[in-house]
């Protein structure tokens, strides 16, 4: 009998990695910069720690902070419901 590891490509060290960059990577990506308070693209984007996104359009990126606020409010309401604080 053979062990399962001998038939497992990962265990045998034969795992293949696809390293090609996605063909649409970076195209149509817009970010909201928290440092400059503006929409940025891949071409002029600040480091990741300063941006929200990517978003599919400049308008979506421009509304990023409103979306963050809406999601935070929804999560806080769900937390209150979960803990019974909303009664």
PDB file of N, CA and C in Angstrom:
ATOM      1  N   UNK A   1       0.843  -1.195   0.000  1.00  0.00           N
ATOM      2  CA  UNK A   1       0.000   0.000   0.000  1.00  0.00           C
ATOM      3  C   UNK A   1       0.879   1.246   0.000  1.00  0.00           C
ATOM      4  N   UNK A   2       0.371   2.290  -0.629  1.00  0.00           N
ATOM      5  CA  UNK A   2       1.097   3.555  -0.644  1.00  0.00           C
ATOM      6  C   UNK A   2       0.338   4.564   0.194  1.00  0.00           C
ATOM      7  N   UNK A   3       1.063   5.526   0.727  1.00  0.00           N
ATOM      8  CA  UNK A   3       0.420   6.547   1.543  1.00  0.00           C
ATOM      9  C   UNK A   3      -0.252   7.584   0.661  1.00  0.00           C
ATOM     10  N   UNK A   4      -1.210   8.306   1.214  1.00  0.00           N
ATOM     11  CA  UNK A   4      -1.916   9.355   0.469  1.00  0.00           C
ATOM     12  C   UNK A   4      -0.963  10.463   0.050  1.00  0.00           C
ATOM     13  N   UNK A   5       0.094  10.686   0.829  1.00  0.00           N
ATOM     14  CA  UNK A   5       1.047  11.756   0.530  1.00  0.00           C
ATOM     15  C   UNK A   5       1.775  11.521  -0.785  1.00  0.00           C
ATOM     16  N   UNK A   6       1.932  10.258  -1.181  1.00  0.00           N
ATOM     17  CA  UNK A   6       2.645  10.003  -2.430  1.00  0.00           C
ATOM     18  C   UNK A   6       1.810  10.384  -3.642  1.00  0.00           C
ATOM     19  N   UNK A   7       0.503  10.497  -3.475  1.00  0.00           N
ATOM     20  CA  UNK A   7      -0.370  10.900  -4.567  1.00  0.00           C
ATOM     21  C   UNK A   7      -0.786  12.358  -4.467  1.00  0.00           C
ATOM     22  N   UNK A   8      -0.367  13.050  -3.451  1.00  0.00           N
ATOM     23  CA  UNK A   8      -0.710  14.454  -3.243  1.00  0.00           C
ATOM     24  C   UNK A   8       0.378  15.317  -3.859  1.00  0.00           C
ATOM     25  N   UNK A   9       0.063  16.072  -4.942  1.00  0.00           N
ATOM     26  CA  UNK A   9       1.108  16.864  -5.596  1.00  0.00           C
ATOM     27  C   UNK A   9       1.733  17.914  -4.691  1.00  0.00           C
ATOM     28  N   UNK A  10       0.969  18.463  -3.753  1.00  0.00           N
ATOM     29  CA  UNK A  10       1.527  19.457  -2.837  1.00  0.00           C
ATOM     30  C   UNK A  10       2.526  18.795  -1.903  1.00  0.00           C
ATOM     31  N   UNK A  11       2.126  17.660  -1.328  1.00  0.00           N
ATOM     32  CA  UNK A  11       3.020  16.946  -0.424  1.00  0.00           C
ATOM     33  C   UNK A  11       4.267  16.462  -1.154  1.00  0.00           C
ATOM     34  N   UNK A  12       4.121  16.120  -2.428  1.00  0.00           N
ATOM     35  CA  UNK A  12       5.252  15.638  -3.210  1.00  0.00           C
ATOM     36  C   UNK A  12       6.115  16.773  -3.741  1.00  0.00           C
ATOM     37  N   UNK A  13       5.669  18.007  -3.545  1.00  0.00           N
ATOM     38  CA  UNK A  13       6.447  19.155  -4.010  1.00  0.00           C
ATOM     39  C   UNK A  13       6.246  19.473  -5.471  1.00  0.00           C
ATOM     40  N   UNK A  14       5.179  18.956  -6.074  1.00  0.00           N
ATOM     41  CA  UNK A  14       4.916  19.177  -7.498  1.00  0.00           C
ATOM     42  C   UNK A  14       3.840  20.211  -7.754  1.00  0.00           C
ATOM     43  N   UNK A  15       3.510  21.010  -6.777  1.00  0.00           N
ATOM     44  CA  UNK A  15       2.452  22.002  -6.954  1.00  0.00           C
ATOM     45  C   UNK A  15       2.915  23.054  -7.952  1.00  0.00           C
ATOM     46  N   UNK A  16       2.054  23.369  -8.895  1.00  0.00           N
ATOM     47  CA  UNK A  16       2.375  24.396  -9.887  1.00  0.00           C
ATOM     48  C   UNK A  16       1.722  25.704  -9.475  1.00  0.00           C
ATOM     49  N   UNK A  17       2.420  26.784  -9.697  1.00  0.00           N
ATOM     50  CA  UNK A  17       1.918  28.109  -9.354  1.00  0.00           C
ATOM     51  C   UNK A  17       1.755  28.908 -10.630  1.00  0.00           C
ATOM     52  N   UNK A  18       0.578  29.503 -10.785  1.00  0.00           N
ATOM     53  CA  UNK A  18       0.323  30.350 -11.943  1.00  0.00           C
ATOM     54  C   UNK A  18       0.791  31.748 -11.584  1.00  0.00           C
ATOM     55  N   UNK A  19       1.809  32.231 -12.263  1.00  0.00           N
ATOM     56  CA  UNK A  19       2.408  33.505 -11.886  1.00  0.00           C
ATOM     57  C   UNK A  19       2.151  34.624 -12.881  1.00  0.00           C
ATOM     58  N   UNK A  20       1.321  34.379 -13.905  1.00  0.00           N
ATOM     59  CA  UNK A  20       1.016  35.445 -14.852  1.00  0.00           C
ATOM     60  C   UNK A  20       0.168  36.505 -14.181  1.00  0.00           C
ATOM     61  N   UNK A  21       0.434  37.759 -14.513  1.00  0.00           N
ATOM     62  CA  UNK A  21      -0.368  38.864 -14.009  1.00  0.00           C
ATOM     63  C   UNK A  21      -1.708  38.824 -14.711  1.00  0.00           C
ATOM     64  N   UNK A  22      -2.782  39.086 -13.972  1.00  0.00           N
ATOM     65  CA  UNK A  22      -4.104  39.111 -14.581  1.00  0.00           C
ATOM     66  C   UNK A  22      -4.124  40.157 -15.693  1.00  0.00           C
ATOM     67  N   UNK A  23      -4.783  39.840 -16.784  1.00  0.00           N
ATOM     68  CA  UNK A  23      -4.744  40.717 -17.941  1.00  0.00           C
ATOM     69  C   UNK A  23      -5.410  42.067 -17.700  1.00  0.00           C
ATOM     70  N   UNK A  24      -6.408  42.119 -16.813  1.00  0.00           N
ATOM     71  CA  UNK A  24      -7.083  43.395 -16.564  1.00  0.00           C
ATOM     72  C   UNK A  24      -6.637  44.042 -15.260  1.00  0.00           C
ATOM     73  N   UNK A  25      -5.546  43.587 -14.720  1.00  0.00           N
ATOM     74  CA  UNK A  25      -5.053  44.093 -13.449  1.00  0.00           C
ATOM     75  C   UNK A  25      -4.767  45.589 -13.529  1.00  0.00           C
ATOM     76  N   UNK A  26      -5.410  46.352 -12.662  1.00  0.00           N
ATOM     77  CA  UNK A  26      -5.150  47.778 -12.576  1.00  0.00           C
ATOM     78  C   UNK A  26      -5.989  48.635 -13.484  1.00  0.00           C
ATOM     79  N   UNK A  27      -6.603  48.071 -14.507  1.00  0.00           N
ATOM     80  CA  UNK A  27      -7.414  48.875 -15.427  1.00  0.00           C
ATOM     81  C   UNK A  27      -8.754  49.173 -14.797  1.00  0.00           C
ATOM     82  N   UNK A  28      -9.189  50.408 -14.879  1.00  0.00           N
ATOM     83  CA  UNK A  28     -10.484  50.773 -14.351  1.00  0.00           C
ATOM     84  C   UNK A  28     -10.532  50.793 -12.839  1.00  0.00           C
ATOM     85  N   UNK A  29      -9.388  50.864 -12.198  1.00  0.00           N
ATOM     86  CA  UNK A  29      -9.348  50.886 -10.740  1.00  0.00           C
ATOM     87  C   UNK A  29      -9.151  52.307 -10.237  1.00  0.00           C
ATOM     88  N   UNK A  30     -10.033  52.692  -9.349  1.00  0.00           N
ATOM     89  CA  UNK A  30      -9.976  54.026  -8.750  1.00  0.00           C
ATOM     90  C   UNK A  30      -9.926  53.869  -7.235  1.00  0.00           C
ATOM     91  N   UNK A  31      -9.256  54.796  -6.589  1.00  0.00           N
ATOM     92  CA  UNK A  31      -9.043  54.742  -5.145  1.00  0.00           C
ATOM     93  C   UNK A  31      -9.395  56.086  -4.532  1.00  0.00           C
ATOM     94  N   UNK A  32      -9.801  56.057  -3.259  1.00  0.00           N
ATOM     95  CA  UNK A  32      -9.997  57.298  -2.521  1.00  0.00           C
ATOM     96  C   UNK A  32      -8.803  57.440  -1.597  1.00  0.00           C
ATOM     97  N   UNK A  33      -8.063  58.537  -1.748  1.00  0.00           N
ATOM     98  CA  UNK A  33      -6.882  58.783  -0.930  1.00  0.00           C
ATOM     99  C   UNK A  33      -7.299  59.510   0.345  1.00  0.00           C
ATOM    100  N   UNK A  34      -7.014  58.885   1.475  1.00  0.00           N
ATOM    101  CA  UNK A  34      -7.350  59.472   2.767  1.00  0.00           C
ATOM    102  C   UNK A  34      -6.412  60.617   3.138  1.00  0.00           C
ATOM    103  N   UNK A  35      -5.259  60.650   2.533  1.00  0.00           N
ATOM    104  CA  UNK A  35      -4.274  61.685   2.822  1.00  0.00           C
ATOM    105  C   UNK A  35      -4.548  62.950   2.017  1.00  0.00           C
ATOM    106  N   UNK A  36      -4.886  62.793   0.746  1.00  0.00           N
ATOM    107  CA  UNK A  36      -5.083  63.943  -0.134  1.00  0.00           C
ATOM    108  C   UNK A  36      -6.549  64.285  -0.379  1.00  0.00           C
ATOM    109  N   UNK A  37      -7.464  63.429   0.097  1.00  0.00           N
ATOM    110  CA  UNK A  37      -8.911  63.639  -0.074  1.00  0.00           C
ATOM    111  C   UNK A  37      -9.266  63.829  -1.548  1.00  0.00           C
ATOM    112  N   UNK A  38      -8.834  62.843  -2.362  1.00  0.00           N
ATOM    113  CA  UNK A  38      -9.106  62.901  -3.789  1.00  0.00           C
ATOM    114  C   UNK A  38      -9.136  61.491  -4.365  1.00  0.00           C
ATOM    115  N   UNK A  39      -9.695  61.382  -5.574  1.00  0.00           N
ATOM    116  CA  UNK A  39      -9.698  60.125  -6.309  1.00  0.00           C
ATOM    117  C   UNK A  39      -8.331  59.960  -6.966  1.00  0.00           C
ATOM    118  N   UNK A  40      -7.796  58.754  -6.871  1.00  0.00           N
ATOM    119  CA  UNK A  40      -6.516  58.452  -7.505  1.00  0.00           C
ATOM    120  C   UNK A  40      -6.662  57.186  -8.350  1.00  0.00           C
ATOM    121  N   UNK A  41      -5.769  57.022  -9.306  1.00  0.00           N
ATOM    122  CA  UNK A  41      -5.738  55.834 -10.155  1.00  0.00           C
ATOM    123  C   UNK A  41      -4.453  55.072  -9.881  1.00  0.00           C
ATOM    124  N   UNK A  42      -4.303  53.917 -10.532  1.00  0.00           N
ATOM    125  CA  UNK A  42      -3.066  53.142 -10.379  1.00  0.00           C
ATOM    126  C   UNK A  42      -1.842  53.985 -10.714  1.00  0.00           C
ATOM    127  N   UNK A  43      -1.980  54.884 -11.678  1.00  0.00           N
ATOM    128  CA  UNK A  43      -0.848  55.688 -12.143  1.00  0.00           C
ATOM    129  C   UNK A  43      -0.358  56.672 -11.097  1.00  0.00           C
ATOM    130  N   UNK A  44      -1.259  57.138 -10.209  1.00  0.00           N
ATOM    131  CA  UNK A  44      -0.856  58.170  -9.244  1.00  0.00           C
ATOM    132  C   UNK A  44      -1.282  57.831  -7.822  1.00  0.00           C
ATOM    133  N   UNK A  45      -1.447  56.558  -7.531  1.00  0.00           N
ATOM    134  CA  UNK A  45      -1.968  56.105  -6.240  1.00  0.00           C
ATOM    135  C   UNK A  45      -0.929  56.195  -5.127  1.00  0.00           C
ATOM    136  N   UNK A  46      -1.374  56.683  -3.981  1.00  0.00           N
ATOM    137  CA  UNK A  46      -0.538  56.687  -2.779  1.00  0.00           C
ATOM    138  C   UNK A  46      -0.392  55.248  -2.271  1.00  0.00           C
ATOM    139  N   UNK A  47       0.506  55.002  -1.323  1.00  0.00           N
ATOM    140  CA  UNK A  47       0.646  53.660  -0.763  1.00  0.00           C
ATOM    141  C   UNK A  47      -0.684  53.138  -0.196  1.00  0.00           C
ATOM    142  N   UNK A  48      -0.836  51.827  -0.200  1.00  0.00           N
ATOM    143  CA  UNK A  48      -2.086  51.165   0.187  1.00  0.00           C
ATOM    144  C   UNK A  48      -2.601  51.609   1.554  1.00  0.00           C
ATOM    145  N   UNK A  49      -1.719  51.930   2.484  1.00  0.00           N
ATOM    146  CA  UNK A  49      -2.188  52.314   3.820  1.00  0.00           C
ATOM    147  C   UNK A  49      -2.942  53.642   3.828  1.00  0.00           C
ATOM    148  N   UNK A  50      -2.880  54.384   2.718  1.00  0.00           N
ATOM    149  CA  UNK A  50      -3.548  55.681   2.632  1.00  0.00           C
ATOM    150  C   UNK A  50      -4.783  55.683   1.733  1.00  0.00           C
ATOM    151  N   UNK A  51      -5.112  54.551   1.107  1.00  0.00           N
ATOM    152  CA  UNK A  51      -6.214  54.552   0.152  1.00  0.00           C
ATOM    153  C   UNK A  51      -7.279  53.522   0.475  1.00  0.00           C
ATOM    154  N   UNK A  52      -8.507  53.809   0.025  1.00  0.00           N
ATOM    155  CA  UNK A  52      -9.610  52.863   0.053  1.00  0.00           C
ATOM    156  C   UNK A  52      -9.850  52.441  -1.387  1.00  0.00           C
ATOM    157  N   UNK A  53     -10.142  51.188  -1.590  1.00  0.00           N
ATOM    158  CA  UNK A  53     -10.436  50.714  -2.930  1.00  0.00           C
ATOM    159  C   UNK A  53      -9.694  49.442  -3.220  1.00  0.00           C
ATOM    160  N   UNK A  54      -9.774  48.994  -4.432  1.00  0.00           N
ATOM    161  CA  UNK A  54     -10.168  49.709  -5.637  1.00  0.00           C
ATOM    162  C   UNK A  54     -11.681  49.730  -5.839  1.00  0.00           C
ATOM    163  N   UNK A  55     -12.125  50.720  -6.573  1.00  0.00           N
ATOM    164  CA  UNK A  55     -13.521  50.880  -6.966  1.00  0.00           C
ATOM    165  C   UNK A  55     -13.584  50.878  -8.489  1.00  0.00           C
ATOM    166  N   UNK A  56     -14.717  50.458  -9.049  1.00  0.00           N
ATOM    167  CA  UNK A  56     -14.814  50.365 -10.510  1.00  0.00           C
ATOM    168  C   UNK A  56     -14.946  51.703 -11.230  1.00  0.00           C
ATOM    169  N   UNK A  57     -15.295  52.753 -10.501  1.00  0.00           N
ATOM    170  CA  UNK A  57     -15.440  54.063 -11.149  1.00  0.00           C
ATOM    171  C   UNK A  57     -14.934  55.159 -10.230  1.00  0.00           C
ATOM    172  N   UNK A  58     -14.638  56.306 -10.816  1.00  0.00           N
ATOM    173  CA  UNK A  58     -14.205  57.456 -10.028  1.00  0.00           C
ATOM    174  C   UNK A  58     -15.311  57.907  -9.080  1.00  0.00           C
ATOM    175  N   UNK A  59     -16.557  57.829  -9.537  1.00  0.00           N
ATOM    176  CA  UNK A  59     -17.688  58.228  -8.684  1.00  0.00           C
ATOM    177  C   UNK A  59     -17.795  57.312  -7.467  1.00  0.00           C
ATOM    178  N   UNK A  60     -17.607  56.010  -7.657  1.00  0.00           N
ATOM    179  CA  UNK A  60     -17.637  55.085  -6.520  1.00  0.00           C
ATOM    180  C   UNK A  60     -16.514  55.400  -5.539  1.00  0.00           C
ATOM    181  N   UNK A  61     -15.335  55.698  -6.048  1.00  0.00           N
ATOM    182  CA  UNK A  61     -14.212  56.042  -5.174  1.00  0.00           C
ATOM    183  C   UNK A  61     -14.498  57.329  -4.415  1.00  0.00           C
ATOM    184  N   UNK A  62     -15.107  58.295  -5.093  1.00  0.00           N
ATOM    185  CA  UNK A  62     -15.416  59.571  -4.465  1.00  0.00           C
ATOM    186  C   UNK A  62     -16.416  59.412  -3.316  1.00  0.00           C
ATOM    187  N   UNK A  63     -17.262  58.401  -3.395  1.00  0.00           N
ATOM    188  CA  UNK A  63     -18.264  58.142  -2.364  1.00  0.00           C
ATOM    189  C   UNK A  63     -17.810  57.101  -1.342  1.00  0.00           C
ATOM    190  N   UNK A  64     -16.529  56.784  -1.324  1.00  0.00           N
ATOM    191  CA  UNK A  64     -16.010  55.733  -0.453  1.00  0.00           C
ATOM    192  C   UNK A  64     -16.283  55.995   1.024  1.00  0.00           C
ATOM    193  N   UNK A  65     -16.094  57.215   1.481  1.00  0.00           N
ATOM    194  CA  UNK A  65     -16.280  57.501   2.908  1.00  0.00           C
ATOM    195  C   UNK A  65     -17.739  57.348   3.326  1.00  0.00           C
ATOM    196  N   UNK A  66     -18.670  57.694   2.431  1.00  0.00           N
ATOM    197  CA  UNK A  66     -20.086  57.497   2.742  1.00  0.00           C
ATOM    198  C   UNK A  66     -20.401  56.009   2.865  1.00  0.00           C
ATOM    199  N   UNK A  67     -19.825  55.213   1.964  1.00  0.00           N
ATOM    200  CA  UNK A  67     -20.033  53.763   2.029  1.00  0.00           C
ATOM    201  C   UNK A  67     -19.451  53.191   3.314  1.00  0.00           C
ATOM    202  N   UNK A  68     -18.283  53.672   3.719  1.00  0.00           N
ATOM    203  CA  UNK A  68     -17.669  53.216   4.964  1.00  0.00           C
ATOM    204  C   UNK A  68     -18.590  53.548   6.137  1.00  0.00           C
ATOM    205  N   UNK A  69     -19.109  54.766   6.173  1.00  0.00           N
ATOM    206  CA  UNK A  69     -20.002  55.176   7.260  1.00  0.00           C
ATOM    207  C   UNK A  69     -21.271  54.314   7.281  1.00  0.00           C
ATOM    208  N   UNK A  70     -21.866  54.081   6.116  1.00  0.00           N
ATOM    209  CA  UNK A  70     -23.069  53.247   6.051  1.00  0.00           C
ATOM    210  C   UNK A  70     -22.794  51.837   6.553  1.00  0.00           C
ATOM    211  N   UNK A  71     -21.684  51.260   6.137  1.00  0.00           N
ATOM    212  CA  UNK A  71     -21.337  49.900   6.583  1.00  0.00           C
ATOM    213  C   UNK A  71     -21.062  49.862   8.072  1.00  0.00           C
ATOM    214  N   UNK A  72     -20.348  50.861   8.596  1.00  0.00           N
ATOM    215  CA  UNK A  72     -20.086  50.901  10.035  1.00  0.00           C
ATOM    216  C   UNK A  72     -21.383  50.980  10.830  1.00  0.00           C
ATOM    217  N   UNK A  73     -22.316  51.822  10.378  1.00  0.00           N
ATOM    218  CA  UNK A  73     -23.599  51.940  11.063  1.00  0.00           C
ATOM    219  C   UNK A  73     -24.369  50.621  11.031  1.00  0.00           C
ATOM    220  N   UNK A  74     -24.338  49.943   9.882  1.00  0.00           N
ATOM    221  CA  UNK A  74     -25.018  48.655   9.768  1.00  0.00           C
ATOM    222  C   UNK A  74     -24.375  47.618  10.691  1.00  0.00           C
ATOM    223  N   UNK A  75     -23.051  47.596  10.746  1.00  0.00           N
ATOM    224  CA  UNK A  75     -22.362  46.642  11.617  1.00  0.00           C
ATOM    225  C   UNK A  75     -22.632  46.947  13.087  1.00  0.00           C
ATOM    226  N   UNK A  76     -22.640  48.230  13.449  1.00  0.00           N
ATOM    227  CA  UNK A  76     -22.936  48.599  14.838  1.00  0.00           C
ATOM    228  C   UNK A  76     -24.361  48.207  15.213  1.00  0.00           C
ATOM    229  N   UNK A  77     -25.308  48.385  14.305  1.00  0.00           N
ATOM    230  CA  UNK A  77     -26.694  47.978  14.560  1.00  0.00           C
ATOM    231  C   UNK A  77     -26.777  46.465  14.714  1.00  0.00           C
ATOM    232  N   UNK A  78     -26.050  45.740  13.886  1.00  0.00           N
ATOM    233  CA  UNK A  78     -26.047  44.275  13.995  1.00  0.00           C
ATOM    234  C   UNK A  78     -25.397  43.836  15.299  1.00  0.00           C
ATOM    235  N   UNK A  79     -24.310  44.481  15.700  1.00  0.00           N
ATOM    236  CA  UNK A  79     -23.682  44.168  16.989  1.00  0.00           C
ATOM    237  C   UNK A  79     -24.651  44.418  18.135  1.00  0.00           C
ATOM    238  N   UNK A  80     -25.359  45.547  18.084  1.00  0.00           N
ATOM    239  CA  UNK A  80     -26.338  45.874  19.139  1.00  0.00           C
ATOM    240  C   UNK A  80     -27.458  44.833  19.166  1.00  0.00           C
ATOM    241  N   UNK A  81     -27.917  44.430  17.992  1.00  0.00           N
ATOM    242  CA  UNK A  81     -28.961  43.400  17.931  1.00  0.00           C
ATOM    243  C   UNK A  81     -28.441  42.087  18.513  1.00  0.00           C
ATOM    244  N   UNK A  82     -27.220  41.723  18.161  1.00  0.00           N
ATOM    245  CA  UNK A  82     -26.616  40.473  18.599  1.00  0.00           C
ATOM    246  C   UNK A  82     -26.464  40.441  20.125  1.00  0.00           C
ATOM    247  N   UNK A  83     -26.048  41.556  20.709  1.00  0.00           N
ATOM    248  CA  UNK A  83     -25.813  41.592  22.157  1.00  0.00           C
ATOM    249  C   UNK A  83     -27.051  41.958  22.951  1.00  0.00           C
ATOM    250  N   UNK A  84     -28.144  42.293  22.248  1.00  0.00           N
ATOM    251  CA  UNK A  84     -29.384  42.634  22.939  1.00  0.00           C
ATOM    252  C   UNK A  84     -29.458  44.070  23.393  1.00  0.00           C
ATOM    253  N   UNK A  85     -28.549  44.926  22.958  1.00  0.00           N
ATOM    254  CA  UNK A  85     -28.520  46.328  23.367  1.00  0.00           C
ATOM    255  C   UNK A  85     -29.528  47.168  22.618  1.00  0.00           C
ATOM    256  N   UNK A  86     -30.177  46.611  21.599  1.00  0.00           N
ATOM    257  CA  UNK A  86     -31.099  47.390  20.793  1.00  0.00           C
ATOM    258  C   UNK A  86     -32.527  47.352  21.331  1.00  0.00           C
ATOM    259  N   UNK A  87     -32.724  46.754  22.485  1.00  0.00           N
ATOM    260  CA  UNK A  87     -34.083  46.633  23.053  1.00  0.00           C
ATOM    261  C   UNK A  87     -34.415  47.784  23.955  1.00  0.00           C
TER     262      UNK A  87
END
